[in-house]
Amino acid sequence: MKHVITFLFVCTAVAALAQDNVAWHDVTKWGVEGRAWGDQERKRWFDRMPAKAEVSVTGAVWNLSRHSAGMMVRFKTDAAIIHAKWKLLNSRLGMPHMPPSGVSGLDLYARNTEGKWRWAAATRPNKQEMQATLLSGIAKGMREYALYLPLYNGTESLEIGMPTGAKFEALAPRLAKPLVFYGTSITHGACASRPGMAHPAILGRRLEIPVVNIGFSGNGKMHKEVGDLMLEVDAACYIIDCLPNMNATMVTERCVPLVHQLRKARPNTPILLVEDRRFANSWLTPGRAKFHSDNHAALRKAYEQLKAAGVKHLHYLSGDDLLGDDAEGTTDASHPNDLGFVRQADAFEPVLRRALGLK
C-alpha cells in the first residue's frame, strides 16, 4: 500500500508540474472570427447574436444562436505540443446522427509550407469541462493555426495552452468583410464529424475570407427579424439557404421581401439564393421529390421577379447537385456527412468566386 500511495503522489506531482509549465491563453483576449455585430452587448461572450436579438427573433432562433457554430480563432506558435481547455454550455455532447466531436468538439487546422490549410487535430469531448492535448510531437517551426469551435453546443470559455518557453502570437480577427451564411441545420453544421468540415468553414479556408454562420437548426425561415440583424453586418456576400425549413408558399411570401430588405440597406452587396438539396432517397419517394421541385420553382420565380425588378448583384445556386448524384452524401437522407459537405463546398465555390469577383 505504501508503494501505491508513493506512486500516486509522484504521478500527481508530475501532472501538476506539467500544468505549471503550460502557458494558457484566453481566446477572448484577442477575439474569434465568426462573432459578428462588433462590440454590441451579449448575454454570453460566445453567443452568435447580440443580446438585443432575444426580444426580436423567435425563442428557438435565440436559443440556437447561443451555439458557437462558425467561430474560429487564429494564432501562431512554434510549440511542439498544443493543449486546449474549454467549457460547454450544454451537457448534451452529441446527437444520435452527429458525434460529440462535431457537436461539442474543437477542430485544429494549420498552414503548411505552401500556405495551404491542412487538418491537424480534433477532440473527443466526454464532459462539459474539457482539457485535452490537441497535438504533440509537432515538427519544429513557427506556423499559423486555426481552431474551430463547437457547432451544436455553446462555448462558455476557451483557452489554448503550450509550453511556457514556446513562442506564441495571437492573431486578431481579420477585418475583411465576411461571408454571411443564413440557413438551416445544414448551414448550422449538421452532420459534420468535426467543426471544420461544415461547408461554411471549408469555403472560408478555400477563399481565405472570414465567415459568419447564422444557421439555425429547423428554424432558417427567411425571418424579417433575422434580416434586420443581417443588414447590420457589412458582408462580402449574403448567402440565403433556408429552403430545407420552408415550403413553396413560405418561399413565395418571404424571399422577395427579404432580398429587398437587404438590398435597401446594402445596395452593392452580392446576395446568393440557394435551392434546397433533394433528399438522397427522394428518387424513391415521389412526395418528397415534389416538395423539393415545388420549393425550387418558388425560389426560381422569386429570383426572376427580383431580376425583373432591377435588383443587381443577385446570384443563384441550384440544389439538385449539391450533395452529388450517388445518394452517398448524407447521414439520414437530408443532413450532409463529411462527403456531402465537401461536395456542397465544391458547388458553392465557383458561384461565390464569381459573386466576389475572385479568380
Protein backbone atom coordinates (compact mmCIF):
# COMPACT_ATOMS: atom_id res chain seq x y z
CA MET A 1 0.00 0.00 0.00
CA LYS A 2 2.86 2.36 0.84
CA HIS A 3 4.33 1.87 -2.65
CA VAL A 4 0.93 2.55 -4.26
CA ILE A 5 0.50 5.77 -2.31
CA THR A 6 4.02 6.86 -3.23
CA PHE A 7 3.37 6.09 -6.89
CA LEU A 8 0.13 8.08 -6.89
CA PHE A 9 1.83 11.00 -5.20
CA VAL A 10 4.62 11.03 -7.79
CA CYS A 11 2.11 10.87 -10.67
CA THR A 12 0.10 13.71 -9.18
CA ALA A 13 3.23 15.79 -8.71
CA VAL A 14 4.35 15.18 -12.30
CA ALA A 15 0.90 16.16 -13.61
CA ALA A 16 0.93 19.33 -11.53
CA LEU A 17 4.43 20.17 -12.74
CA ALA A 18 3.31 19.66 -16.35
CA GLN A 19 0.43 22.05 -15.80
CA ASP A 20 2.76 24.59 -14.20
CA ASN A 21 4.84 24.52 -17.37
CA VAL A 22 1.87 25.30 -19.63
CA ALA A 23 1.07 28.90 -20.57
CA TRP A 24 -2.68 29.29 -21.07
CA HIS A 25 -4.11 31.91 -23.43
CA ASP A 26 -7.75 33.02 -23.12
CA VAL A 27 -9.07 33.50 -26.66
CA THR A 28 -11.48 36.23 -25.56
CA LYS A 29 -8.43 38.44 -25.05
CA TRP A 30 -7.82 38.72 -28.80
CA GLY A 31 -11.06 37.58 -30.36
CA VAL A 32 -12.57 34.94 -32.60
CA GLU A 33 -13.80 35.17 -36.18
CA GLY A 34 -17.47 34.45 -36.83
CA ARG A 35 -18.58 36.64 -33.92
CA ALA A 36 -20.37 39.44 -35.76
CA TRP A 37 -22.08 42.62 -34.51
CA GLY A 38 -18.88 44.09 -33.15
CA ASP A 39 -18.90 45.19 -29.56
CA GLN A 40 -22.66 45.11 -29.10
CA GLU A 41 -23.75 43.75 -25.73
CA ARG A 42 -24.04 39.97 -25.48
CA LYS A 43 -25.58 37.72 -22.85
CA ARG A 44 -22.56 35.39 -23.18
CA TRP A 45 -19.27 36.15 -24.88
CA PHE A 46 -19.55 33.30 -27.40
CA ASP A 47 -23.20 33.93 -28.37
CA ARG A 48 -23.58 34.34 -32.12
CA MET A 49 -26.11 37.17 -31.81
CA PRO A 50 -26.16 40.32 -29.67
CA ALA A 51 -28.33 40.49 -26.57
CA LYS A 52 -30.94 42.67 -28.27
CA ALA A 53 -31.85 39.77 -30.59
CA GLU A 54 -33.51 37.92 -27.72
CA VAL A 55 -36.55 40.21 -27.89
CA SER A 56 -36.88 40.24 -31.69
CA VAL A 57 -36.13 36.74 -33.05
CA THR A 58 -38.12 33.62 -32.14
CA GLY A 59 -37.27 31.78 -28.97
CA ALA A 60 -35.94 28.84 -30.98
CA VAL A 61 -33.64 31.04 -33.05
CA TRP A 62 -32.38 32.77 -29.93
CA ASN A 63 -31.59 29.51 -28.15
CA LEU A 64 -29.80 28.13 -31.21
CA SER A 65 -27.84 31.36 -31.61
CA ARG A 66 -26.08 30.51 -28.38
CA HIS A 67 -24.22 27.72 -30.17
CA SER A 68 -20.74 28.73 -31.31
CA ALA A 69 -21.15 27.43 -34.89
CA GLY A 70 -18.79 29.12 -37.34
CA MET A 71 -16.49 30.64 -34.76
CA MET A 72 -12.75 30.21 -35.27
CA VAL A 73 -9.67 31.54 -33.50
CA ARG A 74 -6.26 32.07 -35.14
CA PHE A 75 -2.77 32.08 -33.61
CA LYS A 76 0.87 31.31 -34.37
CA THR A 77 3.25 29.22 -32.34
CA ASP A 78 6.39 27.11 -32.61
CA ALA A 79 5.21 24.82 -29.80
CA ALA A 80 5.83 21.09 -30.12
CA ILE A 81 2.62 20.41 -28.21
CA ILE A 82 -0.71 22.31 -28.13
CA HIS A 83 -3.38 21.94 -25.45
CA ALA A 84 -6.88 23.31 -25.05
CA LYS A 85 -9.38 23.58 -22.26
CA TRP A 86 -12.97 24.57 -22.86
CA LYS A 87 -16.27 24.65 -21.03
CA LEU A 88 -19.52 23.83 -22.81
CA LEU A 89 -22.96 25.33 -22.29
CA ASN A 90 -24.99 22.12 -22.56
CA SER A 91 -24.49 18.65 -21.13
CA ARG A 92 -25.75 17.03 -24.34
CA LEU A 93 -22.42 16.46 -26.07
CA GLY A 94 -23.64 14.61 -29.18
CA MET A 95 -26.75 13.68 -31.11
CA PRO A 96 -27.99 10.37 -32.50
CA HIS A 97 -26.86 11.30 -36.00
CA MET A 98 -23.89 13.57 -35.16
CA PRO A 99 -20.90 12.69 -32.97
CA PRO A 100 -19.65 14.70 -29.99
CA SER A 101 -16.54 15.61 -32.00
CA GLY A 102 -18.76 17.75 -34.26
CA VAL A 103 -21.40 18.86 -31.76
CA SER A 104 -19.09 19.83 -28.90
CA GLY A 105 -15.51 19.40 -30.08
CA LEU A 106 -12.66 21.61 -31.23
CA ASP A 107 -11.02 21.22 -34.65
CA LEU A 108 -7.46 22.35 -35.38
CA TYR A 109 -6.02 23.31 -38.78
CA ALA A 110 -2.50 24.50 -39.66
CA ARG A 111 -0.94 26.19 -42.67
CA ASN A 112 1.65 24.10 -44.46
CA THR A 113 4.81 25.42 -46.08
CA GLU A 114 2.85 26.21 -49.27
CA GLY A 115 0.43 28.37 -47.29
CA LYS A 116 -2.47 25.93 -47.60
CA TRP A 117 -4.71 24.98 -44.71
CA ARG A 118 -4.43 21.35 -43.65
CA TRP A 119 -6.26 19.47 -40.93
CA ALA A 120 -4.15 18.85 -37.82
CA ALA A 121 -6.23 17.53 -34.90
CA ALA A 122 -9.72 17.09 -33.45
CA THR A 123 -11.08 16.33 -29.99
CA ARG A 124 -13.36 13.74 -28.41
CA PRO A 125 -15.34 15.57 -25.72
CA ASN A 126 -16.87 13.40 -22.99
CA LYS A 127 -17.84 16.01 -20.38
CA GLN A 128 -18.87 19.66 -20.17
CA GLU A 129 -15.50 20.88 -18.90
CA MET A 130 -12.74 19.52 -21.09
CA GLN A 131 -8.98 19.68 -21.11
CA ALA A 132 -7.09 17.88 -23.86
CA THR A 133 -3.85 17.75 -25.77
CA LEU A 134 -4.74 18.72 -29.31
CA LEU A 135 -1.47 17.62 -30.88
CA SER A 136 2.04 16.64 -29.74
CA GLY A 137 5.31 15.85 -31.45
CA ILE A 138 4.82 18.80 -33.81
CA ALA A 139 7.65 19.49 -36.26
CA LYS A 140 9.86 22.47 -35.46
CA GLY A 141 8.95 25.87 -36.84
CA MET A 142 6.62 28.80 -36.36
CA ARG A 143 3.28 28.27 -38.11
CA GLU A 144 -0.26 29.58 -38.20
CA TYR A 145 -3.17 27.65 -36.72
CA ALA A 146 -6.94 27.96 -36.88
CA LEU A 147 -9.08 26.37 -34.17
CA TYR A 148 -12.80 25.89 -34.89
CA LEU A 149 -15.30 25.96 -32.02
CA PRO A 150 -18.21 23.54 -31.38
CA LEU A 151 -21.05 23.54 -33.91
CA TYR A 152 -24.09 22.43 -31.89
CA ASN A 153 -23.14 23.43 -28.37
CA GLY A 154 -22.43 26.73 -26.73
CA THR A 155 -18.93 27.63 -25.59
CA GLU A 156 -18.58 29.17 -22.14
CA SER A 157 -14.80 29.56 -22.17
CA LEU A 158 -11.81 28.52 -24.27
CA GLU A 159 -8.08 28.64 -23.54
CA ILE A 160 -5.18 27.42 -25.66
CA GLY A 161 -2.09 26.11 -23.90
CA MET A 162 1.51 25.42 -24.85
CA PRO A 163 4.86 25.05 -23.07
CA THR A 164 5.94 28.22 -21.33
CA GLY A 165 9.08 28.53 -23.44
CA ALA A 166 7.25 28.34 -26.76
CA LYS A 167 6.69 31.39 -28.93
CA PHE A 168 3.06 32.46 -29.19
CA GLU A 169 1.37 35.14 -31.28
CA ALA A 170 -2.35 35.85 -31.02
CA LEU A 171 -3.88 36.74 -34.40
CA ALA A 172 -6.76 39.19 -34.17
CA PRO A 173 -9.85 38.54 -36.30
CA ARG A 174 -9.36 39.70 -39.88
CA LEU A 175 -11.10 42.95 -40.80
CA ALA A 176 -12.17 41.77 -44.26
CA LYS A 177 -15.89 41.64 -44.96
CA PRO A 178 -17.24 38.17 -44.11
CA LEU A 179 -19.41 35.70 -45.95
CA VAL A 180 -22.70 35.65 -44.03
CA PHE A 181 -24.49 32.30 -44.28
CA TYR A 182 -28.16 32.35 -43.23
CA GLY A 183 -29.71 28.92 -43.24
CA THR A 184 -30.92 25.76 -41.55
CA SER A 185 -29.43 22.83 -39.68
CA ILE A 186 -27.22 22.15 -42.71
CA THR A 187 -25.65 25.62 -42.53
CA HIS A 188 -25.52 25.20 -38.74
CA GLY A 189 -23.26 22.19 -39.39
CA ALA A 190 -25.33 19.00 -39.17
CA CYS A 191 -23.94 16.41 -39.51
CA ALA A 192 -20.24 17.20 -39.84
CA SER A 193 -17.91 14.91 -37.91
CA ARG A 194 -15.93 17.93 -36.74
CA PRO A 195 -16.47 21.73 -36.88
CA GLY A 196 -14.01 22.45 -39.70
CA MET A 197 -15.93 20.19 -42.08
CA ALA A 198 -19.14 22.28 -42.28
CA HIS A 199 -19.25 23.86 -45.74
CA PRO A 200 -19.10 27.49 -44.50
CA ALA A 201 -15.81 26.62 -42.75
CA ILE A 202 -14.46 24.82 -45.81
CA LEU A 203 -15.31 27.79 -48.02
CA GLY A 204 -13.73 30.21 -45.56
CA ARG A 205 -10.44 28.32 -45.86
CA ARG A 206 -10.59 27.97 -49.63
CA LEU A 207 -11.47 31.62 -50.26
CA GLU A 208 -9.34 32.99 -47.40
CA ILE A 209 -12.23 35.04 -46.09
CA PRO A 210 -13.93 35.34 -42.68
CA VAL A 211 -17.26 33.56 -42.23
CA VAL A 212 -20.32 34.31 -40.11
CA ASN A 213 -22.59 31.31 -39.62
CA ILE A 214 -26.19 32.08 -38.71
CA GLY A 215 -27.63 28.68 -39.46
CA PHE A 216 -30.46 27.67 -37.11
CA SER A 217 -31.46 24.03 -36.97
CA GLY A 218 -35.10 23.72 -38.07
CA ASN A 219 -35.52 27.49 -37.93
CA GLY A 220 -33.93 29.04 -41.02
CA LYS A 221 -37.12 30.51 -42.45
CA MET A 222 -36.23 33.88 -44.02
CA HIS A 223 -37.49 35.76 -40.98
CA LYS A 224 -37.59 39.55 -41.32
CA GLU A 225 -36.23 39.88 -37.79
CA VAL A 226 -33.12 37.92 -38.74
CA GLY A 227 -32.83 40.11 -41.85
CA ASP A 228 -32.85 43.19 -39.62
CA LEU A 229 -29.79 41.82 -37.85
CA MET A 230 -28.06 40.64 -41.02
CA LEU A 231 -28.14 44.07 -42.63
CA GLU A 232 -26.11 45.41 -39.70
CA VAL A 233 -23.22 43.20 -40.84
CA ASP A 234 -21.22 44.67 -43.71
CA ALA A 235 -20.90 41.39 -45.60
CA ALA A 236 -18.85 40.35 -48.60
CA CYS A 237 -21.89 38.30 -49.62
CA TYR A 238 -25.17 37.28 -48.04
CA ILE A 239 -25.95 33.60 -48.65
CA ILE A 240 -29.63 32.77 -48.12
CA ASP A 241 -30.01 28.99 -47.82
CA CYS A 242 -33.29 28.46 -45.99
CA LEU A 243 -35.40 26.25 -48.25
CA PRO A 244 -34.95 22.99 -46.28
CA ASN A 245 -37.05 24.57 -43.49
CA MET A 246 -39.67 26.12 -45.78
CA ASN A 247 -42.42 25.18 -48.20
CA ALA A 248 -43.22 26.80 -51.53
CA THR A 249 -45.85 29.11 -50.03
CA MET A 250 -43.41 30.42 -47.43
CA VAL A 251 -40.73 30.94 -50.08
CA THR A 252 -43.17 32.92 -52.23
CA GLU A 253 -44.21 35.09 -49.29
CA ARG A 254 -40.80 35.75 -47.75
CA CYS A 255 -37.98 35.59 -50.29
CA VAL A 256 -38.64 38.76 -52.26
CA PRO A 257 -39.23 40.94 -49.15
CA LEU A 258 -36.03 39.64 -47.50
CA VAL A 259 -33.91 40.41 -50.57
CA HIS A 260 -35.41 43.90 -50.87
CA GLN A 261 -34.80 44.43 -47.15
CA LEU A 262 -31.11 43.58 -47.51
CA ARG A 263 -30.69 45.38 -50.81
CA LYS A 264 -32.17 48.64 -49.45
CA ALA A 265 -29.57 48.69 -46.67
CA ARG A 266 -26.68 47.26 -48.72
CA PRO A 267 -27.14 48.31 -52.37
CA ASN A 268 -23.99 46.66 -53.72
CA THR A 269 -23.51 43.58 -51.57
CA PRO A 270 -23.87 40.32 -53.51
CA ILE A 271 -26.75 38.09 -52.47
CA LEU A 272 -26.80 34.37 -53.25
CA LEU A 273 -30.09 32.43 -53.23
CA VAL A 274 -29.65 28.68 -52.73
CA GLU A 275 -32.13 25.94 -53.57
CA ASP A 276 -32.62 23.10 -51.10
CA ARG A 277 -30.83 19.81 -51.58
CA ARG A 278 -33.01 16.93 -52.68
CA PHE A 279 -33.29 14.17 -50.08
CA ALA A 280 -30.87 11.44 -51.07
CA ASN A 281 -33.73 8.94 -51.27
CA SER A 282 -36.23 11.27 -52.97
CA TRP A 283 -35.85 9.19 -56.13
CA LEU A 284 -37.87 6.56 -54.22
CA THR A 285 -40.32 8.94 -52.52
CA PRO A 286 -42.46 10.91 -55.01
CA GLY A 287 -43.99 13.10 -52.32
CA ARG A 288 -40.62 14.28 -51.13
CA ALA A 289 -39.43 14.80 -54.71
CA LYS A 290 -42.46 17.00 -55.40
CA PHE A 291 -41.79 19.02 -52.25
CA HIS A 292 -38.30 19.83 -53.47
CA SER A 293 -39.46 20.61 -57.01
CA ASP A 294 -42.15 22.97 -55.72
CA ASN A 295 -39.62 24.73 -53.47
CA HIS A 296 -37.16 25.09 -56.34
CA ALA A 297 -39.83 26.52 -58.62
CA ALA A 298 -40.90 29.04 -55.97
CA LEU A 299 -37.33 30.24 -55.39
CA ARG A 300 -36.61 30.45 -59.11
CA LYS A 301 -39.78 32.50 -59.62
CA ALA A 302 -38.76 34.86 -56.80
CA TYR A 303 -35.30 35.20 -58.34
CA GLU A 304 -36.73 36.05 -61.77
CA GLN A 305 -39.14 38.54 -60.19
CA LEU A 306 -36.26 40.26 -58.38
CA LYS A 307 -34.14 40.37 -61.52
CA ALA A 308 -37.06 41.83 -63.48
CA ALA A 309 -37.40 44.50 -60.79
CA GLY A 310 -33.81 45.53 -61.42
CA VAL A 311 -32.15 44.00 -58.34
CA LYS A 312 -28.43 43.87 -59.05
CA HIS A 313 -25.68 41.56 -57.76
CA LEU A 314 -28.14 38.70 -57.27
CA HIS A 315 -26.89 35.14 -57.76
CA TYR A 316 -28.50 31.70 -57.80
CA LEU A 317 -27.36 28.17 -56.95
CA SER A 318 -29.27 25.07 -57.98
CA GLY A 319 -29.82 22.43 -55.33
CA ASP A 320 -30.02 19.31 -57.45
CA ASP A 321 -26.29 18.54 -57.36
CA LEU A 322 -25.28 19.97 -54.00
CA LEU A 323 -24.88 16.52 -52.46
CA GLY A 324 -23.82 14.64 -55.57
CA ASP A 325 -25.82 12.16 -57.62
CA ASP A 326 -24.99 8.86 -55.89
CA ALA A 327 -27.03 9.23 -52.66
CA GLU A 328 -23.86 8.82 -50.57
CA GLY A 329 -23.58 12.40 -49.30
CA THR A 330 -25.85 12.31 -46.23
CA THR A 331 -26.27 10.68 -42.84
CA ASP A 332 -30.07 10.47 -42.96
CA ALA A 333 -31.15 11.49 -46.50
CA SER A 334 -31.17 15.17 -45.52
CA HIS A 335 -28.14 16.21 -43.48
CA PRO A 336 -24.74 16.00 -45.17
CA ASN A 337 -21.97 13.79 -43.96
CA ASP A 338 -18.39 14.99 -44.49
CA LEU A 339 -18.50 13.85 -48.13
CA GLY A 340 -21.70 15.84 -48.63
CA PHE A 341 -20.18 18.95 -47.09
CA VAL A 342 -17.16 18.77 -49.39
CA ARG A 343 -19.49 18.38 -52.37
CA GLN A 344 -21.51 21.38 -51.23
CA ALA A 345 -18.36 23.46 -50.91
CA ASP A 346 -17.38 22.36 -54.43
CA ALA A 347 -20.75 23.61 -55.74
CA PHE A 348 -20.72 26.88 -53.78
CA GLU A 349 -17.13 27.85 -54.54
CA PRO A 350 -17.34 28.84 -58.24
CA VAL A 351 -20.59 30.76 -57.68
CA LEU A 352 -19.11 32.67 -54.74
CA ARG A 353 -15.92 33.39 -56.67
CA ARG A 354 -17.99 34.99 -59.44
CA ALA A 355 -20.08 36.93 -56.93
CA LEU A 356 -16.97 38.23 -55.16
CA GLY A 357 -15.02 38.91 -58.34
CA LEU A 358 -12.33 36.38 -57.43
CA LYS A 359 -10.38 34.18 -59.82
